[in-house]
N, C-alpha and C. Protein backbone atom coordinates (compact mmCIF):
# COMPACT_ATOMS: atom_id res chain seq x y z
N MET A 1 15.79 2.76 110.97
CA MET A 1 16.52 1.81 111.80
C MET A 1 17.53 1.08 110.93
N THR A 2 18.79 1.11 111.30
CA THR A 2 19.84 0.46 110.54
C THR A 2 20.50 -0.60 111.42
N THR A 3 20.68 -1.77 110.84
CA THR A 3 21.35 -2.86 111.53
C THR A 3 22.57 -3.23 110.72
N ILE A 4 23.75 -3.22 111.32
CA ILE A 4 24.97 -3.65 110.63
C ILE A 4 25.39 -4.97 111.25
N THR A 5 25.57 -5.97 110.40
CA THR A 5 25.88 -7.31 110.87
C THR A 5 27.16 -7.82 110.21
N GLU A 6 28.01 -8.46 110.97
CA GLU A 6 29.15 -9.18 110.42
C GLU A 6 28.66 -10.60 110.08
N VAL A 7 29.17 -11.16 109.00
CA VAL A 7 28.60 -12.42 108.53
C VAL A 7 29.65 -13.49 108.24
N ASP A 8 29.15 -14.71 108.11
CA ASP A 8 29.95 -15.86 107.70
C ASP A 8 29.24 -16.46 106.49
N LEU A 9 29.92 -16.54 105.36
CA LEU A 9 29.28 -16.93 104.11
C LEU A 9 28.64 -18.32 104.16
N ARG A 10 29.32 -19.28 104.72
CA ARG A 10 28.74 -20.64 104.75
C ARG A 10 27.43 -20.65 105.55
N ALA A 11 27.41 -19.94 106.68
CA ALA A 11 26.18 -19.86 107.48
C ALA A 11 25.08 -19.14 106.70
N LEU A 12 25.44 -18.10 105.94
CA LEU A 12 24.45 -17.39 105.12
C LEU A 12 23.85 -18.31 104.07
N LEU A 13 24.68 -19.10 103.42
CA LEU A 13 24.19 -20.01 102.38
C LEU A 13 23.24 -21.05 102.98
N LYS A 14 23.56 -21.55 104.15
CA LYS A 14 22.67 -22.52 104.81
C LYS A 14 21.35 -21.86 105.17
N GLU A 15 21.40 -20.63 105.68
CA GLU A 15 20.16 -19.92 106.02
C GLU A 15 19.34 -19.64 104.77
N TRP A 16 20.01 -19.22 103.69
CA TRP A 16 19.31 -18.94 102.44
C TRP A 16 18.59 -20.18 101.94
N SER A 17 19.23 -21.34 102.08
CA SER A 17 18.61 -22.58 101.61
C SER A 17 17.35 -22.91 102.40
N GLN A 18 17.29 -22.48 103.65
CA GLN A 18 16.09 -22.73 104.46
C GLN A 18 14.97 -21.75 104.12
N ILE A 19 15.34 -20.50 103.81
CA ILE A 19 14.34 -19.48 103.51
C ILE A 19 13.85 -19.56 102.07
N GLU A 20 14.79 -19.76 101.14
CA GLU A 20 14.44 -19.79 99.72
C GLU A 20 15.09 -21.00 99.03
N PRO A 21 14.54 -22.19 99.26
CA PRO A 21 15.14 -23.37 98.63
C PRO A 21 15.06 -23.35 97.11
N GLN A 22 14.23 -22.48 96.54
CA GLN A 22 14.17 -22.34 95.09
C GLN A 22 15.37 -21.56 94.55
N ARG A 23 16.15 -20.93 95.43
CA ARG A 23 17.33 -20.16 95.02
C ARG A 23 18.65 -20.76 95.52
N CYS A 24 18.60 -21.45 96.65
CA CYS A 24 19.82 -22.02 97.23
C CYS A 24 19.49 -23.34 97.91
N GLN A 25 20.36 -24.31 97.75
CA GLN A 25 20.20 -25.59 98.41
C GLN A 25 21.51 -25.97 99.09
N ALA A 26 21.44 -26.22 100.37
CA ALA A 26 22.62 -26.65 101.14
C ALA A 26 22.21 -27.84 101.97
N ASP A 27 22.78 -28.98 101.65
CA ASP A 27 22.45 -30.20 102.37
C ASP A 27 23.66 -31.13 102.35
N SER A 28 23.44 -32.38 102.65
CA SER A 28 24.55 -33.34 102.70
C SER A 28 25.18 -33.55 101.32
N HIS A 29 24.49 -33.13 100.26
CA HIS A 29 25.03 -33.26 98.90
C HIS A 29 25.84 -32.05 98.48
N GLY A 30 25.87 -31.01 99.31
CA GLY A 30 26.66 -29.83 99.01
C GLY A 30 25.84 -28.56 98.96
N ILE A 31 26.42 -27.53 98.37
CA ILE A 31 25.77 -26.24 98.25
C ILE A 31 25.58 -25.92 96.77
N HIS A 32 24.36 -25.53 96.43
CA HIS A 32 24.03 -25.15 95.06
C HIS A 32 23.26 -23.84 95.10
N VAL A 33 23.59 -22.92 94.17
CA VAL A 33 22.82 -21.69 94.04
C VAL A 33 22.28 -21.61 92.62
N ARG A 34 21.11 -21.00 92.53
CA ARG A 34 20.47 -20.84 91.22
C ARG A 34 20.69 -19.41 90.75
N PHE A 35 21.22 -19.29 89.56
CA PHE A 35 21.38 -18.00 88.90
C PHE A 35 20.81 -18.15 87.51
N GLY A 36 19.85 -17.29 87.16
CA GLY A 36 19.16 -17.46 85.89
C GLY A 36 18.34 -18.74 85.98
N SER A 37 18.46 -19.57 85.00
CA SER A 37 17.71 -20.82 85.01
C SER A 37 18.59 -22.02 85.35
N CYS A 38 19.84 -21.76 85.76
CA CYS A 38 20.78 -22.85 86.01
C CYS A 38 21.17 -22.94 87.48
N TRP A 39 21.36 -24.17 87.93
CA TRP A 39 21.89 -24.43 89.26
C TRP A 39 23.40 -24.58 89.15
N HIS A 40 24.13 -24.00 90.11
CA HIS A 40 25.58 -24.07 90.11
C HIS A 40 26.05 -24.70 91.42
N GLU A 41 26.87 -25.74 91.29
CA GLU A 41 27.39 -26.41 92.48
C GLU A 41 28.57 -25.63 93.03
N LEU A 42 28.54 -25.40 94.33
CA LEU A 42 29.61 -24.66 94.99
C LEU A 42 30.29 -25.47 96.08
N SER A 43 30.10 -26.76 96.07
CA SER A 43 30.57 -27.55 97.21
C SER A 43 31.81 -28.37 96.94
N GLN A 44 32.38 -28.31 95.74
CA GLN A 44 33.61 -29.04 95.49
C GLN A 44 34.73 -28.38 96.28
N GLY A 45 35.21 -29.06 97.30
CA GLY A 45 36.19 -28.44 98.19
C GLY A 45 35.52 -27.27 98.89
N LYS A 46 36.03 -26.10 98.67
CA LYS A 46 35.41 -24.89 99.22
C LYS A 46 35.09 -23.94 98.06
N ALA A 47 34.47 -24.47 97.01
CA ALA A 47 34.20 -23.67 95.82
C ALA A 47 33.37 -22.44 96.12
N TRP A 48 32.56 -22.49 97.17
CA TRP A 48 31.75 -21.32 97.55
C TRP A 48 32.64 -20.17 98.01
N ASN A 49 33.89 -20.47 98.34
CA ASN A 49 34.80 -19.44 98.83
C ASN A 49 35.89 -19.09 97.81
N THR A 50 35.71 -19.48 96.54
CA THR A 50 36.65 -19.12 95.49
C THR A 50 36.15 -17.86 94.77
N GLU A 51 36.99 -17.29 93.94
CA GLU A 51 36.58 -16.09 93.19
C GLU A 51 35.36 -16.41 92.31
N HIS A 52 35.37 -17.55 91.65
CA HIS A 52 34.24 -17.97 90.80
C HIS A 52 32.99 -18.18 91.64
N GLY A 53 33.13 -18.86 92.76
CA GLY A 53 31.99 -19.10 93.64
C GLY A 53 31.42 -17.81 94.19
N GLN A 54 32.31 -16.90 94.59
CA GLN A 54 31.87 -15.60 95.10
C GLN A 54 31.08 -14.84 94.02
N ALA A 55 31.56 -14.89 92.78
CA ALA A 55 30.88 -14.20 91.68
C ALA A 55 29.49 -14.79 91.45
N LEU A 56 29.37 -16.11 91.51
CA LEU A 56 28.06 -16.75 91.34
C LEU A 56 27.11 -16.39 92.47
N ILE A 57 27.61 -16.38 93.70
CA ILE A 57 26.77 -16.03 94.85
C ILE A 57 26.32 -14.58 94.76
N LEU A 58 27.24 -13.69 94.39
CA LEU A 58 26.90 -12.28 94.24
C LEU A 58 25.83 -12.10 93.16
N ALA A 59 26.01 -12.75 92.02
CA ALA A 59 25.03 -12.64 90.93
C ALA A 59 23.67 -13.19 91.35
N ALA A 60 23.67 -14.32 92.03
CA ALA A 60 22.41 -14.93 92.48
C ALA A 60 21.72 -14.03 93.52
N ALA A 61 22.51 -13.44 94.42
CA ALA A 61 21.95 -12.54 95.43
C ALA A 61 21.37 -11.30 94.77
N GLN A 62 22.08 -10.73 93.80
CA GLN A 62 21.58 -9.54 93.11
C GLN A 62 20.30 -9.86 92.33
N GLU A 63 20.25 -11.05 91.74
CA GLU A 63 19.04 -11.47 91.04
C GLU A 63 17.86 -11.58 92.02
N ALA A 64 18.11 -12.13 93.20
CA ALA A 64 17.06 -12.26 94.22
C ALA A 64 16.61 -10.89 94.72
N ILE A 65 17.56 -9.97 94.92
CA ILE A 65 17.24 -8.61 95.36
C ILE A 65 16.33 -7.93 94.33
N ALA A 66 16.68 -8.06 93.06
CA ALA A 66 15.87 -7.46 91.99
C ALA A 66 14.48 -8.09 91.92
N ALA A 67 14.40 -9.40 92.12
CA ALA A 67 13.11 -10.10 92.06
C ALA A 67 12.17 -9.64 93.18
N GLU A 68 12.74 -9.21 94.30
CA GLU A 68 11.95 -8.71 95.43
C GLU A 68 11.66 -7.21 95.29
N HIS A 69 12.13 -6.61 94.20
CA HIS A 69 11.95 -5.17 93.95
C HIS A 69 12.56 -4.32 95.05
N LEU A 70 13.73 -4.75 95.52
CA LEU A 70 14.46 -4.01 96.54
C LEU A 70 15.59 -3.24 95.87
N HIS A 71 16.02 -2.19 96.52
CA HIS A 71 17.13 -1.40 96.00
C HIS A 71 18.32 -1.56 96.92
N CYS A 72 19.48 -1.74 96.31
CA CYS A 72 20.69 -2.02 97.09
C CYS A 72 21.76 -0.97 96.80
N PHE A 73 22.43 -0.54 97.85
CA PHE A 73 23.58 0.34 97.75
C PHE A 73 24.76 -0.47 98.27
N ALA A 74 25.87 -0.42 97.55
CA ALA A 74 27.05 -1.16 98.01
C ALA A 74 28.29 -0.29 97.85
N SER A 75 29.24 -0.50 98.74
CA SER A 75 30.50 0.24 98.65
C SER A 75 31.63 -0.62 99.22
N PHE A 76 32.85 -0.21 98.91
CA PHE A 76 34.04 -0.87 99.44
C PHE A 76 34.89 0.19 100.13
N ASN A 77 35.35 -0.11 101.34
CA ASN A 77 36.20 0.80 102.08
C ASN A 77 37.63 0.27 102.03
N PRO A 78 38.51 0.90 101.26
CA PRO A 78 39.88 0.39 101.15
C PRO A 78 40.66 0.45 102.46
N LYS A 79 40.28 1.33 103.37
CA LYS A 79 40.98 1.43 104.66
C LYS A 79 40.72 0.21 105.53
N THR A 80 39.46 -0.28 105.51
CA THR A 80 39.12 -1.44 106.34
C THR A 80 39.16 -2.74 105.56
N GLY A 81 39.14 -2.64 104.22
CA GLY A 81 39.10 -3.84 103.39
C GLY A 81 37.75 -4.53 103.43
N LYS A 82 36.70 -3.79 103.79
CA LYS A 82 35.35 -4.36 103.95
C LYS A 82 34.40 -3.80 102.91
N TYR A 83 33.45 -4.65 102.53
CA TYR A 83 32.35 -4.25 101.66
C TYR A 83 31.15 -3.95 102.55
N LEU A 84 30.32 -3.04 102.09
CA LEU A 84 29.11 -2.68 102.80
C LEU A 84 27.96 -2.75 101.81
N ALA A 85 26.90 -3.43 102.17
CA ALA A 85 25.69 -3.46 101.34
C ALA A 85 24.52 -3.05 102.22
N ALA A 86 23.72 -2.14 101.70
CA ALA A 86 22.53 -1.68 102.41
C ALA A 86 21.33 -1.83 101.50
N ILE A 87 20.27 -2.42 102.03
CA ILE A 87 19.04 -2.62 101.28
C ILE A 87 17.90 -2.07 102.11
N GLY A 88 17.08 -1.25 101.48
CA GLY A 88 15.93 -0.69 102.17
C GLY A 88 14.72 -1.59 102.01
N VAL A 89 14.06 -1.89 103.11
CA VAL A 89 12.83 -2.67 103.08
C VAL A 89 11.73 -1.84 103.72
N GLU A 90 10.59 -1.75 103.04
CA GLU A 90 9.49 -0.94 103.55
C GLU A 90 8.56 -1.77 104.41
N VAL A 91 8.30 -1.26 105.62
CA VAL A 91 7.38 -1.90 106.56
C VAL A 91 6.45 -0.81 107.07
N SER A 92 5.17 -0.95 106.79
CA SER A 92 4.16 0.01 107.24
C SER A 92 4.52 1.45 106.87
N GLY A 93 4.99 1.64 105.65
CA GLY A 93 5.31 2.98 105.18
C GLY A 93 6.65 3.53 105.63
N VAL A 94 7.41 2.77 106.39
CA VAL A 94 8.72 3.20 106.87
C VAL A 94 9.78 2.32 106.22
N VAL A 95 10.78 2.96 105.61
CA VAL A 95 11.87 2.21 105.00
C VAL A 95 12.95 1.97 106.05
N MET A 96 13.28 0.71 106.25
CA MET A 96 14.30 0.33 107.22
C MET A 96 15.49 -0.22 106.45
N ALA A 97 16.67 0.37 106.68
CA ALA A 97 17.88 -0.08 105.99
C ALA A 97 18.46 -1.29 106.71
N GLN A 98 18.69 -2.32 105.96
CA GLN A 98 19.34 -3.52 106.48
C GLN A 98 20.74 -3.53 105.89
N THR A 99 21.74 -3.42 106.73
CA THR A 99 23.11 -3.22 106.27
C THR A 99 24.02 -4.33 106.77
N THR A 100 24.87 -4.81 105.89
CA THR A 100 25.83 -5.84 106.26
C THR A 100 27.23 -5.40 105.84
N ARG A 101 28.19 -5.56 106.71
CA ARG A 101 29.59 -5.29 106.43
C ARG A 101 30.29 -6.65 106.38
N ALA A 102 31.09 -6.86 105.34
CA ALA A 102 31.73 -8.17 105.18
C ALA A 102 33.02 -8.05 104.39
N THR A 103 33.77 -9.13 104.36
CA THR A 103 35.04 -9.12 103.64
C THR A 103 34.88 -9.32 102.14
N THR A 104 33.71 -9.79 101.69
CA THR A 104 33.47 -9.93 100.25
C THR A 104 32.13 -9.30 99.89
N ALA A 105 32.02 -8.91 98.62
CA ALA A 105 30.77 -8.32 98.13
C ALA A 105 29.63 -9.33 98.21
N ALA A 106 29.92 -10.60 97.94
CA ALA A 106 28.89 -11.64 97.99
C ALA A 106 28.31 -11.76 99.40
N GLU A 107 29.18 -11.79 100.40
CA GLU A 107 28.71 -11.88 101.79
C GLU A 107 27.87 -10.66 102.17
N ALA A 108 28.34 -9.48 101.77
CA ALA A 108 27.62 -8.25 102.12
C ALA A 108 26.23 -8.22 101.50
N HIS A 109 26.14 -8.53 100.20
CA HIS A 109 24.85 -8.51 99.52
C HIS A 109 23.90 -9.57 100.07
N LEU A 110 24.40 -10.80 100.19
CA LEU A 110 23.54 -11.88 100.67
C LEU A 110 23.12 -11.63 102.12
N GLY A 111 24.03 -11.14 102.94
CA GLY A 111 23.69 -10.86 104.33
C GLY A 111 22.60 -9.81 104.46
N ALA A 112 22.71 -8.71 103.71
CA ALA A 112 21.70 -7.65 103.75
C ALA A 112 20.37 -8.15 103.20
N TYR A 113 20.42 -8.96 102.14
CA TYR A 113 19.19 -9.51 101.55
C TYR A 113 18.46 -10.41 102.55
N LEU A 114 19.19 -11.28 103.21
CA LEU A 114 18.55 -12.17 104.17
C LEU A 114 17.98 -11.39 105.35
N GLN A 115 18.65 -10.31 105.76
CA GLN A 115 18.09 -9.46 106.81
C GLN A 115 16.75 -8.89 106.36
N CYS A 116 16.67 -8.45 105.12
CA CYS A 116 15.41 -7.91 104.60
C CYS A 116 14.30 -8.96 104.63
N LEU A 117 14.63 -10.18 104.24
CA LEU A 117 13.63 -11.24 104.26
C LEU A 117 13.15 -11.51 105.69
N ARG A 118 14.08 -11.48 106.66
CA ARG A 118 13.70 -11.68 108.07
C ARG A 118 12.79 -10.56 108.55
N VAL A 119 13.11 -9.32 108.18
CA VAL A 119 12.29 -8.17 108.59
C VAL A 119 10.89 -8.29 107.98
N LYS A 120 10.83 -8.65 106.70
CA LYS A 120 9.53 -8.82 106.05
C LYS A 120 8.69 -9.88 106.75
N GLU A 121 9.33 -11.01 107.03
CA GLU A 121 8.61 -12.10 107.70
C GLU A 121 8.15 -11.70 109.10
N ALA A 122 9.02 -11.07 109.85
CA ALA A 122 8.69 -10.68 111.22
C ALA A 122 7.55 -9.65 111.27
N ASN A 123 7.39 -8.88 110.20
CA ASN A 123 6.37 -7.83 110.17
C ASN A 123 5.19 -8.18 109.28
N GLY A 124 5.12 -9.43 108.84
CA GLY A 124 3.99 -9.88 108.04
C GLY A 124 3.89 -9.20 106.68
N VAL A 125 5.01 -8.79 106.12
CA VAL A 125 5.01 -8.15 104.80
C VAL A 125 5.05 -9.23 103.73
N ASP A 126 4.11 -9.16 102.81
CA ASP A 126 4.06 -10.15 101.72
C ASP A 126 5.27 -10.01 100.82
N ARG A 127 5.69 -11.14 100.27
CA ARG A 127 6.81 -11.14 99.34
C ARG A 127 6.33 -11.33 97.94
């Protein structure tokens, strides 16, 4: 089963903060993501939407994907200008691909990762 979702980065960051506050925090004080052992503020203006912010979000998402022992495939389609990230999550012996298409690699990776977390939770899969 493959699900392709279009995403909005700010909404993804807010959702991530609710699911994994140890990795992302979004509140009235701004947006912060944890990469390695450091927290990075992304809320100055629209820092989450800058090249530097996108790189930090992508790195933090990839770190989270690796910590969950998930495998990710990503590609860029120059014709559409979209990134695609697909992550397989195993539920009851069946691998289900969670796929996100987005305008940035950070959005695609984070979107697919959050889909995997939702699938795991909905199916009672331990993390």
